[in-house]
Amino acid sequence: MSDTGEPPVKKLKKSDLDAGSTPEENLPEVFREYNIVQNALNIIAEQSSGVIIRIECNYNAIKTPYLEQRNEIIKKIPRFWITAFMNHPKMAALIADEEEDCLNYLSAIFVEDCIDPYNGYRVHFHFSPNPYMENEVITRNYYHHGEGVPCLLSSVINWKPGYDLLHIIRRRYALSRSPPQPGRPVPLFRQTFFSWFDDLSTSVKDTIGEILRDEIWINPLQYYLLSEHENAVNVVDCI
C-alpha cells in the first residue's frame, strides 16, 4: 500500500494487452472483414442520403407558398436584406464597402432547393429600380450535371454607365497597391458579394450560397433584429 493509504495501481503487462487480440500475421484477414462491413455501411449511407433528399424535396414543395408569403411580409420592412446581411458576421465580411448602397435596393430573395437529384439549389435576388444595374433579377445556380458533377451558372450583371461596382472595387484595390502591370486587370483580393456572380469555379465551396441557403434563409428575421454587437442567439422573444 502506498503512503497515501491507497492500493498501488497495477501496471498492465504486454501479455495482458495482447490477450484476446489477433496475432499480427492474421491482421490482413481482420482488415478484410472490417472493410466488408464498412463498405456495407457506406452503401447504406449513400442510399439513405438519396431518400433524405427526396423527402426534403417533397416538403420544399409544401413550404413554397409559405416562403412566398414570408417574402411579401418582408417587403414591408425597410432595408431588410442589407440589414440581415450586415448583421451576419460571415456575410458582412464578404460585402465590400462599395456594394452596401446597391444592396439597399435588394427587395427580395428566394432560394429554390432540390433543383436536381443531387440537392442543387438556385438563389434569386430581386432588385427595385436603382442607379447601379439594369437587372431586376439576378440568379445564382448551383446544380449538378450528369452523374453529379457540380456546376455553377450566374446571371450577367448589366451595370449602368459609371456604376460597375466590380470595376470600382478593383480600381480602389489597385490604388492601394503598387501600380499594376499595363494591360493586365487587377484581380480582386478577396471574394465580394457581386464578384461571386463572376466566380464559376467549383474547386472551392460556394461560400455565399451556403451562408444564404443554410443560415440566413432559414429564418432571416433573426439576423435583421440583431445589432452589430449582439449574438445570434440573443433575439427577441417573438422568434
C-alpha atoms as a PDB file:
ATOM      1  CA  MET A   1       0.000   0.000   0.000  1.00  0.00           C
ATOM      2  CA  SER A   2       1.263   3.489  -0.793  1.00  0.00           C
ATOM      3  CA  ASP A   3       1.928   6.314   1.694  1.00  0.00           C
ATOM      4  CA  THR A   4      -1.484   7.789   0.854  1.00  0.00           C
ATOM      5  CA  GLY A   5      -3.191   4.651   2.047  1.00  0.00           C
ATOM      6  CA  GLU A   6      -4.427   3.753  -1.412  1.00  0.00           C
ATOM      7  CA  PRO A   7      -3.559   0.410  -3.011  1.00  0.00           C
ATOM      8  CA  PRO A   8      -0.904   0.689  -5.741  1.00  0.00           C
ATOM      9  CA  VAL A   9      -2.110   0.821  -9.327  1.00  0.00           C
ATOM     10  CA  LYS A  10      -1.382  -2.414 -11.119  1.00  0.00           C
ATOM     11  CA  LYS A  11       0.622  -1.902 -14.292  1.00  0.00           C
ATOM     12  CA  LEU A  12      -0.624  -3.786 -17.315  1.00  0.00           C
ATOM     13  CA  LYS A  13       1.794  -6.191 -18.866  1.00  0.00           C
ATOM     14  CA  LYS A  14       2.167  -6.509 -22.613  1.00  0.00           C
ATOM     15  CA  SER A  15       0.778 -10.010 -22.309  1.00  0.00           C
ATOM     16  CA  ASP A  16      -2.365  -8.568 -20.686  1.00  0.00           C
ATOM     17  CA  LEU A  17      -2.811  -6.067 -23.517  1.00  0.00           C
ATOM     18  CA  ASP A  18      -2.381  -8.748 -26.160  1.00  0.00           C
ATOM     19  CA  ALA A  19      -4.856 -11.114 -24.536  1.00  0.00           C
ATOM     20  CA  GLY A  20      -7.752 -11.752 -26.885  1.00  0.00           C
ATOM     21  CA  SER A  21      -6.222  -9.743 -29.736  1.00  0.00           C
ATOM     22  CA  THR A  22      -5.298 -11.107 -33.136  1.00  0.00           C
ATOM     23  CA  PRO A  23      -1.697 -12.015 -33.925  1.00  0.00           C
ATOM     24  CA  GLU A  24      -0.122  -9.552 -36.333  1.00  0.00           C
ATOM     25  CA  GLU A  25       0.233 -12.135 -39.079  1.00  0.00           C
ATOM     26  CA  ASN A  26      -3.567 -12.531 -39.116  1.00  0.00           C
ATOM     27  CA  LEU A  27      -4.390  -8.812 -39.206  1.00  0.00           C
ATOM     28  CA  PRO A  28      -4.860  -8.659 -43.024  1.00  0.00           C
ATOM     29  CA  GLU A  29      -7.822 -11.008 -42.644  1.00  0.00           C
ATOM     30  CA  VAL A  30      -9.259  -8.805 -39.868  1.00  0.00           C
ATOM     31  CA  PHE A  31      -8.852  -5.742 -42.081  1.00  0.00           C
ATOM     32  CA  ARG A  32     -10.658  -7.567 -44.887  1.00  0.00           C
ATOM     33  CA  GLU A  33     -13.578  -8.359 -42.565  1.00  0.00           C
ATOM     34  CA  TYR A  34     -13.652  -4.738 -41.420  1.00  0.00           C
ATOM     35  CA  ASN A  35     -13.720  -3.421 -44.996  1.00  0.00           C
ATOM     36  CA  ILE A  36     -16.651  -5.677 -45.894  1.00  0.00           C
ATOM     37  CA  VAL A  37     -18.712  -4.230 -43.038  1.00  0.00           C
ATOM     38  CA  GLN A  38     -17.557  -0.649 -43.691  1.00  0.00           C
ATOM     39  CA  ASN A  39     -18.457  -0.892 -47.384  1.00  0.00           C
ATOM     40  CA  ALA A  40     -21.940  -2.056 -46.400  1.00  0.00           C
ATOM     41  CA  LEU A  41     -22.263   0.960 -44.092  1.00  0.00           C
ATOM     42  CA  ASN A  42     -21.115   3.294 -46.877  1.00  0.00           C
ATOM     43  CA  ILE A  43     -23.738   1.882 -49.249  1.00  0.00           C
ATOM     44  CA  ILE A  44     -26.473   2.355 -46.644  1.00  0.00           C
ATOM     45  CA  ALA A  45     -25.337   5.951 -46.028  1.00  0.00           C
ATOM     46  CA  GLU A  46     -25.389   6.693 -49.767  1.00  0.00           C
ATOM     47  CA  GLN A  47     -28.844   5.162 -50.176  1.00  0.00           C
ATOM     48  CA  SER A  48     -30.233   6.991 -47.157  1.00  0.00           C
ATOM     49  CA  SER A  49     -28.882  10.348 -48.368  1.00  0.00           C
ATOM     50  CA  GLY A  50     -30.842   9.909 -51.594  1.00  0.00           C
ATOM     51  CA  VAL A  51     -34.002   9.093 -49.644  1.00  0.00           C
ATOM     52  CA  ILE A  52     -33.470  12.102 -47.363  1.00  0.00           C
ATOM     53  CA  ILE A  53     -33.060  14.418 -50.367  1.00  0.00           C
ATOM     54  CA  ARG A  54     -36.292  13.112 -51.929  1.00  0.00           C
ATOM     55  CA  ILE A  55     -38.160  13.657 -48.659  1.00  0.00           C
ATOM     56  CA  GLU A  56     -36.742  17.185 -48.337  1.00  0.00           C
ATOM     57  CA  CYS A  57     -37.792  17.971 -51.908  1.00  0.00           C
ATOM     58  CA  ASN A  58     -41.350  16.865 -51.182  1.00  0.00           C
ATOM     59  CA  TYR A  59     -41.506  19.093 -48.119  1.00  0.00           C
ATOM     60  CA  ASN A  60     -39.955  22.009 -50.016  1.00  0.00           C
ATOM     61  CA  ALA A  61     -42.970  21.958 -52.324  1.00  0.00           C
ATOM     62  CA  ILE A  62     -45.207  22.230 -49.253  1.00  0.00           C
ATOM     63  CA  LYS A  63     -43.131  25.116 -47.856  1.00  0.00           C
ATOM     64  CA  THR A  64     -43.089  27.183 -51.062  1.00  0.00           C
ATOM     65  CA  PRO A  65     -46.375  29.109 -50.570  1.00  0.00           C
ATOM     66  CA  TYR A  66     -45.356  29.973 -47.007  1.00  0.00           C
ATOM     67  CA  LEU A  67     -41.951  31.183 -48.173  1.00  0.00           C
ATOM     68  CA  GLU A  68     -43.638  33.365 -50.783  1.00  0.00           C
ATOM     69  CA  GLN A  69     -45.972  34.753 -48.123  1.00  0.00           C
ATOM     70  CA  ARG A  70     -42.981  35.444 -45.876  1.00  0.00           C
ATOM     71  CA  ASN A  71     -41.286  37.344 -48.682  1.00  0.00           C
ATOM     72  CA  GLU A  72     -44.344  39.573 -49.111  1.00  0.00           C
ATOM     73  CA  ILE A  73     -44.238  40.403 -45.400  1.00  0.00           C
ATOM     74  CA  ILE A  74     -40.501  41.121 -45.564  1.00  0.00           C
ATOM     75  CA  LYS A  75     -41.096  43.672 -48.338  1.00  0.00           C
ATOM     76  CA  LYS A  76     -42.890  45.832 -45.756  1.00  0.00           C
ATOM     77  CA  ILE A  77     -39.694  46.136 -43.696  1.00  0.00           C
ATOM     78  CA  PRO A  78     -37.270  48.834 -44.936  1.00  0.00           C
ATOM     79  CA  ARG A  79     -33.700  47.792 -45.754  1.00  0.00           C
ATOM     80  CA  PHE A  80     -34.452  44.274 -44.574  1.00  0.00           C
ATOM     81  CA  TRP A  81     -31.948  42.218 -46.554  1.00  0.00           C
ATOM     82  CA  ILE A  82     -28.938  44.524 -46.339  1.00  0.00           C
ATOM     83  CA  THR A  83     -29.526  44.768 -42.574  1.00  0.00           C
ATOM     84  CA  ALA A  84     -29.767  40.991 -42.214  1.00  0.00           C
ATOM     85  CA  PHE A  85     -26.616  40.569 -44.313  1.00  0.00           C
ATOM     86  CA  MET A  86     -24.599  43.093 -42.338  1.00  0.00           C
ATOM     87  CA  ASN A  87     -25.701  41.543 -39.035  1.00  0.00           C
ATOM     88  CA  HIS A  88     -24.442  38.130 -40.141  1.00  0.00           C
ATOM     89  CA  PRO A  89     -20.701  38.092 -39.313  1.00  0.00           C
ATOM     90  CA  LYS A  90     -19.573  35.840 -42.169  1.00  0.00           C
ATOM     91  CA  MET A  91     -21.791  37.533 -44.744  1.00  0.00           C
ATOM     92  CA  ALA A  92     -20.837  41.046 -43.655  1.00  0.00           C
ATOM     93  CA  ALA A  93     -17.164  40.177 -44.131  1.00  0.00           C
ATOM     94  CA  LEU A  94     -17.873  39.369 -47.794  1.00  0.00           C
ATOM     95  CA  ILE A  95     -19.636  42.635 -48.653  1.00  0.00           C
ATOM     96  CA  ALA A  96     -17.338  45.393 -49.911  1.00  0.00           C
ATOM     97  CA  ASP A  97     -17.990  48.969 -48.783  1.00  0.00           C
ATOM     98  CA  GLU A  98     -18.866  49.938 -52.357  1.00  0.00           C
ATOM     99  CA  GLU A  99     -21.566  47.255 -52.506  1.00  0.00           C
ATOM    100  CA  GLU A 100     -23.567  48.252 -49.445  1.00  0.00           C
ATOM    101  CA  ASP A 101     -25.606  51.048 -51.024  1.00  0.00           C
ATOM    102  CA  CYS A 102     -26.562  48.888 -54.005  1.00  0.00           C
ATOM    103  CA  LEU A 103     -27.796  46.180 -51.650  1.00  0.00           C
ATOM    104  CA  ASN A 104     -30.190  48.713 -50.119  1.00  0.00           C
ATOM    105  CA  TYR A 105     -32.231  48.119 -53.290  1.00  0.00           C
ATOM    106  CA  LEU A 106     -32.395  44.351 -52.745  1.00  0.00           C
ATOM    107  CA  SER A 107     -36.133  43.842 -52.263  1.00  0.00           C
ATOM    108  CA  ALA A 108     -36.490  40.059 -52.187  1.00  0.00           C
ATOM    109  CA  ILE A 109     -34.562  36.799 -52.143  1.00  0.00           C
ATOM    110  CA  PHE A 110     -35.866  33.365 -52.955  1.00  0.00           C
ATOM    111  CA  VAL A 111     -33.954  30.112 -52.534  1.00  0.00           C
ATOM    112  CA  GLU A 112     -35.085  27.170 -54.666  1.00  0.00           C
ATOM    113  CA  ASP A 113     -33.908  23.869 -53.237  1.00  0.00           C
ATOM    114  CA  CYS A 114     -33.693  20.451 -54.880  1.00  0.00           C
ATOM    115  CA  ILE A 115     -33.432  21.606 -58.486  1.00  0.00           C
ATOM    116  CA  ASP A 116     -31.742  18.284 -59.299  1.00  0.00           C
ATOM    117  CA  PRO A 117     -31.420  14.809 -57.717  1.00  0.00           C
ATOM    118  CA  TYR A 118     -28.139  15.851 -56.060  1.00  0.00           C
ATOM    119  CA  ASN A 119     -29.659  18.637 -53.964  1.00  0.00           C
ATOM    120  CA  GLY A 120     -28.686  21.528 -56.196  1.00  0.00           C
ATOM    121  CA  TYR A 121     -30.161  24.945 -55.492  1.00  0.00           C
ATOM    122  CA  ARG A 122     -30.875  28.311 -57.081  1.00  0.00           C
ATOM    123  CA  VAL A 123     -30.898  31.746 -55.414  1.00  0.00           C
ATOM    124  CA  HIS A 124     -32.861  34.629 -56.960  1.00  0.00           C
ATOM    125  CA  PHE A 125     -32.128  38.239 -55.976  1.00  0.00           C
ATOM    126  CA  HIS A 126     -34.815  40.823 -56.831  1.00  0.00           C
ATOM    127  CA  PHE A 127     -33.830  44.491 -57.023  1.00  0.00           C
ATOM    128  CA  SER A 128     -36.042  47.556 -57.083  1.00  0.00           C
ATOM    129  CA  PRO A 129     -35.121  50.290 -59.644  1.00  0.00           C
ATOM    130  CA  ASN A 130     -31.691  51.646 -58.746  1.00  0.00           C
ATOM    131  CA  PRO A 131     -28.797  53.665 -60.211  1.00  0.00           C
ATOM    132  CA  TYR A 132     -26.446  50.666 -60.327  1.00  0.00           C
ATOM    133  CA  MET A 133     -27.808  47.902 -62.556  1.00  0.00           C
ATOM    134  CA  GLU A 134     -30.360  47.281 -65.271  1.00  0.00           C
ATOM    135  CA  ASN A 135     -31.267  43.800 -63.991  1.00  0.00           C
ATOM    136  CA  GLU A 136     -34.455  43.398 -61.995  1.00  0.00           C
ATOM    137  CA  VAL A 137     -33.450  39.858 -61.013  1.00  0.00           C
ATOM    138  CA  ILE A 138     -30.063  38.159 -60.851  1.00  0.00           C
ATOM    139  CA  THR A 139     -29.713  34.445 -60.171  1.00  0.00           C
ATOM    140  CA  ARG A 140     -27.025  32.099 -58.951  1.00  0.00           C
ATOM    141  CA  ASN A 141     -27.366  28.395 -59.813  1.00  0.00           C
ATOM    142  CA  TYR A 142     -25.519  25.566 -58.111  1.00  0.00           C
ATOM    143  CA  TYR A 143     -26.511  22.386 -59.904  1.00  0.00           C
ATOM    144  CA  HIS A 144     -25.182  19.002 -60.987  1.00  0.00           C
ATOM    145  CA  HIS A 145     -24.588  17.698 -64.475  1.00  0.00           C
ATOM    146  CA  GLY A 146     -24.718  14.053 -65.500  1.00  0.00           C
ATOM    147  CA  GLU A 147     -23.642  11.789 -62.667  1.00  0.00           C
ATOM    148  CA  GLY A 148     -23.491  14.503 -60.038  1.00  0.00           C
ATOM    149  CA  VAL A 149     -20.740  16.722 -61.492  1.00  0.00           C
ATOM    150  CA  PRO A 150     -21.095  20.133 -59.745  1.00  0.00           C
ATOM    151  CA  CYS A 151     -21.661  23.156 -61.995  1.00  0.00           C
ATOM    152  CA  LEU A 152     -22.231  26.869 -61.422  1.00  0.00           C
ATOM    153  CA  LEU A 153     -24.164  29.347 -63.522  1.00  0.00           C
ATOM    154  CA  SER A 154     -24.806  33.018 -62.747  1.00  0.00           C
ATOM    155  CA  SER A 155     -26.660  35.918 -64.302  1.00  0.00           C
ATOM    156  CA  VAL A 156     -24.582  38.511 -66.120  1.00  0.00           C
ATOM    157  CA  ILE A 157     -24.969  41.815 -64.278  1.00  0.00           C
ATOM    158  CA  ASN A 158     -25.680  44.718 -66.626  1.00  0.00           C
ATOM    159  CA  TRP A 159     -24.106  47.648 -64.810  1.00  0.00           C
ATOM    160  CA  LYS A 160     -25.221  51.160 -65.673  1.00  0.00           C
ATOM    161  CA  PRO A 161     -22.527  53.525 -67.049  1.00  0.00           C
ATOM    162  CA  GLY A 162     -20.161  54.607 -64.303  1.00  0.00           C
ATOM    163  CA  TYR A 163     -21.620  52.188 -61.750  1.00  0.00           C
ATOM    164  CA  ASP A 164     -19.762  48.950 -62.439  1.00  0.00           C
ATOM    165  CA  LEU A 165     -19.052  48.086 -58.818  1.00  0.00           C
ATOM    166  CA  LEU A 166     -16.502  45.392 -59.598  1.00  0.00           C
ATOM    167  CA  HIS A 167     -14.505  47.855 -61.703  1.00  0.00           C
ATOM    168  CA  ILE A 168     -14.727  50.425 -58.902  1.00  0.00           C
ATOM    169  CA  ILE A 169     -13.580  47.911 -56.274  1.00  0.00           C
ATOM    170  CA  ARG A 170     -10.705  46.711 -58.461  1.00  0.00           C
ATOM    171  CA  ARG A 171      -9.637  50.305 -59.081  1.00  0.00           C
ATOM    172  CA  ARG A 172      -9.659  51.068 -55.363  1.00  0.00           C
ATOM    173  CA  TYR A 173      -7.642  47.935 -54.684  1.00  0.00           C
ATOM    174  CA  ALA A 174      -5.172  48.814 -57.440  1.00  0.00           C
ATOM    175  CA  LEU A 175      -4.597  52.264 -55.971  1.00  0.00           C
ATOM    176  CA  SER A 176      -3.859  50.716 -52.581  1.00  0.00           C
ATOM    177  CA  ARG A 177      -1.066  48.603 -54.044  1.00  0.00           C
ATOM    178  CA  SER A 178       1.938  49.148 -56.253  1.00  0.00           C
ATOM    179  CA  PRO A 179       0.998  50.136 -59.842  1.00  0.00           C
ATOM    180  CA  PRO A 180      -0.308  47.109 -61.793  1.00  0.00           C
ATOM    181  CA  GLN A 181       1.331  45.951 -64.991  1.00  0.00           C
ATOM    182  CA  PRO A 182      -0.065  47.704 -68.091  1.00  0.00           C
ATOM    183  CA  GLY A 183      -2.743  45.735 -69.893  1.00  0.00           C
ATOM    184  CA  ARG A 184      -3.349  43.326 -67.027  1.00  0.00           C
ATOM    185  CA  PRO A 185      -6.529  43.675 -64.941  1.00  0.00           C
ATOM    186  CA  VAL A 186      -6.077  43.809 -61.198  1.00  0.00           C
ATOM    187  CA  PRO A 187      -7.818  40.829 -59.558  1.00  0.00           C
ATOM    188  CA  LEU A 188      -9.979  41.311 -56.512  1.00  0.00           C
ATOM    189  CA  PHE A 189      -8.018  40.493 -53.382  1.00  0.00           C
ATOM    190  CA  ARG A 190     -10.991  38.563 -51.990  1.00  0.00           C
ATOM    191  CA  GLN A 191     -14.441  37.432 -52.979  1.00  0.00           C
ATOM    192  CA  THR A 192     -17.183  40.022 -52.544  1.00  0.00           C
ATOM    193  CA  PHE A 193     -20.926  39.756 -52.986  1.00  0.00           C
ATOM    194  CA  PHE A 194     -21.044  40.817 -56.633  1.00  0.00           C
ATOM    195  CA  SER A 195     -17.750  39.191 -57.622  1.00  0.00           C
ATOM    196  CA  TRP A 196     -19.441  35.961 -56.506  1.00  0.00           C
ATOM    197  CA  PHE A 197     -21.533  36.129 -59.683  1.00  0.00           C
ATOM    198  CA  ASP A 198     -18.354  36.166 -61.776  1.00  0.00           C
ATOM    199  CA  ASP A 199     -16.770  33.243 -59.932  1.00  0.00           C
ATOM    200  CA  LEU A 200     -17.840  29.964 -61.549  1.00  0.00           C
ATOM    201  CA  SER A 201     -15.111  27.809 -60.040  1.00  0.00           C
ATOM    202  CA  THR A 202     -16.312  24.562 -58.465  1.00  0.00           C
ATOM    203  CA  SER A 203     -12.910  23.800 -56.935  1.00  0.00           C
ATOM    204  CA  VAL A 204     -13.847  25.641 -53.733  1.00  0.00           C
ATOM    205  CA  LYS A 205     -17.096  25.619 -51.803  1.00  0.00           C
ATOM    206  CA  ASP A 206     -19.798  28.113 -52.703  1.00  0.00           C
ATOM    207  CA  THR A 207     -19.418  30.150 -49.507  1.00  0.00           C
ATOM    208  CA  ILE A 208     -22.010  32.877 -50.062  1.00  0.00           C
ATOM    209  CA  GLY A 209     -24.535  30.405 -51.441  1.00  0.00           C
ATOM    210  CA  GLU A 210     -24.139  28.142 -48.421  1.00  0.00           C
ATOM    211  CA  ILE A 211     -24.469  31.036 -45.968  1.00  0.00           C
ATOM    212  CA  LEU A 212     -27.654  32.191 -47.663  1.00  0.00           C
ATOM    213  CA  ARG A 213     -29.201  28.767 -48.064  1.00  0.00           C
ATOM    214  CA  ASP A 214     -28.193  27.082 -44.807  1.00  0.00           C
ATOM    215  CA  GLU A 215     -28.175  30.010 -42.381  1.00  0.00           C
ATOM    216  CA  ILE A 216     -29.867  33.266 -43.390  1.00  0.00           C
ATOM    217  CA  TRP A 217     -32.735  31.881 -45.493  1.00  0.00           C
ATOM    218  CA  ILE A 218     -33.952  29.558 -42.731  1.00  0.00           C
ATOM    219  CA  ASN A 219     -35.053  32.486 -40.548  1.00  0.00           C
ATOM    220  CA  PRO A 220     -33.782  35.843 -41.867  1.00  0.00           C
ATOM    221  CA  LEU A 221     -35.654  37.930 -39.289  1.00  0.00           C
ATOM    222  CA  GLN A 222     -33.344  36.749 -36.503  1.00  0.00           C
ATOM    223  CA  TYR A 223     -30.428  38.403 -38.311  1.00  0.00           C
ATOM    224  CA  TYR A 224     -32.371  41.559 -39.147  1.00  0.00           C
ATOM    225  CA  LEU A 225     -33.176  42.080 -35.462  1.00  0.00           C
ATOM    226  CA  LEU A 226     -29.588  41.780 -34.272  1.00  0.00           C
ATOM    227  CA  SER A 227     -27.473  44.803 -33.515  1.00  0.00           C
ATOM    228  CA  GLU A 228     -23.830  44.698 -34.551  1.00  0.00           C
ATOM    229  CA  HIS A 229     -22.784  43.638 -31.048  1.00  0.00           C
ATOM    230  CA  GLU A 230     -25.431  41.052 -30.245  1.00  0.00           C
ATOM    231  CA  ASN A 231     -25.047  37.330 -30.513  1.00  0.00           C
ATOM    232  CA  ALA A 232     -27.256  35.404 -32.922  1.00  0.00           C
ATOM    233  CA  VAL A 233     -28.986  33.580 -30.059  1.00  0.00           C
ATOM    234  CA  ASN A 234     -29.933  36.783 -28.238  1.00  0.00           C
ATOM    235  CA  VAL A 235     -33.024  37.750 -30.204  1.00  0.00           C
ATOM    236  CA  VAL A 236     -36.442  38.997 -29.206  1.00  0.00           C
ATOM    237  CA  ASP A 237     -38.997  36.598 -27.840  1.00  0.00           C
ATOM    238  CA  CYS A 238     -41.190  36.755 -30.938  1.00  0.00           C
ATOM    239  CA  ILE A 239     -38.856  34.417 -32.868  1.00  0.00           C
END
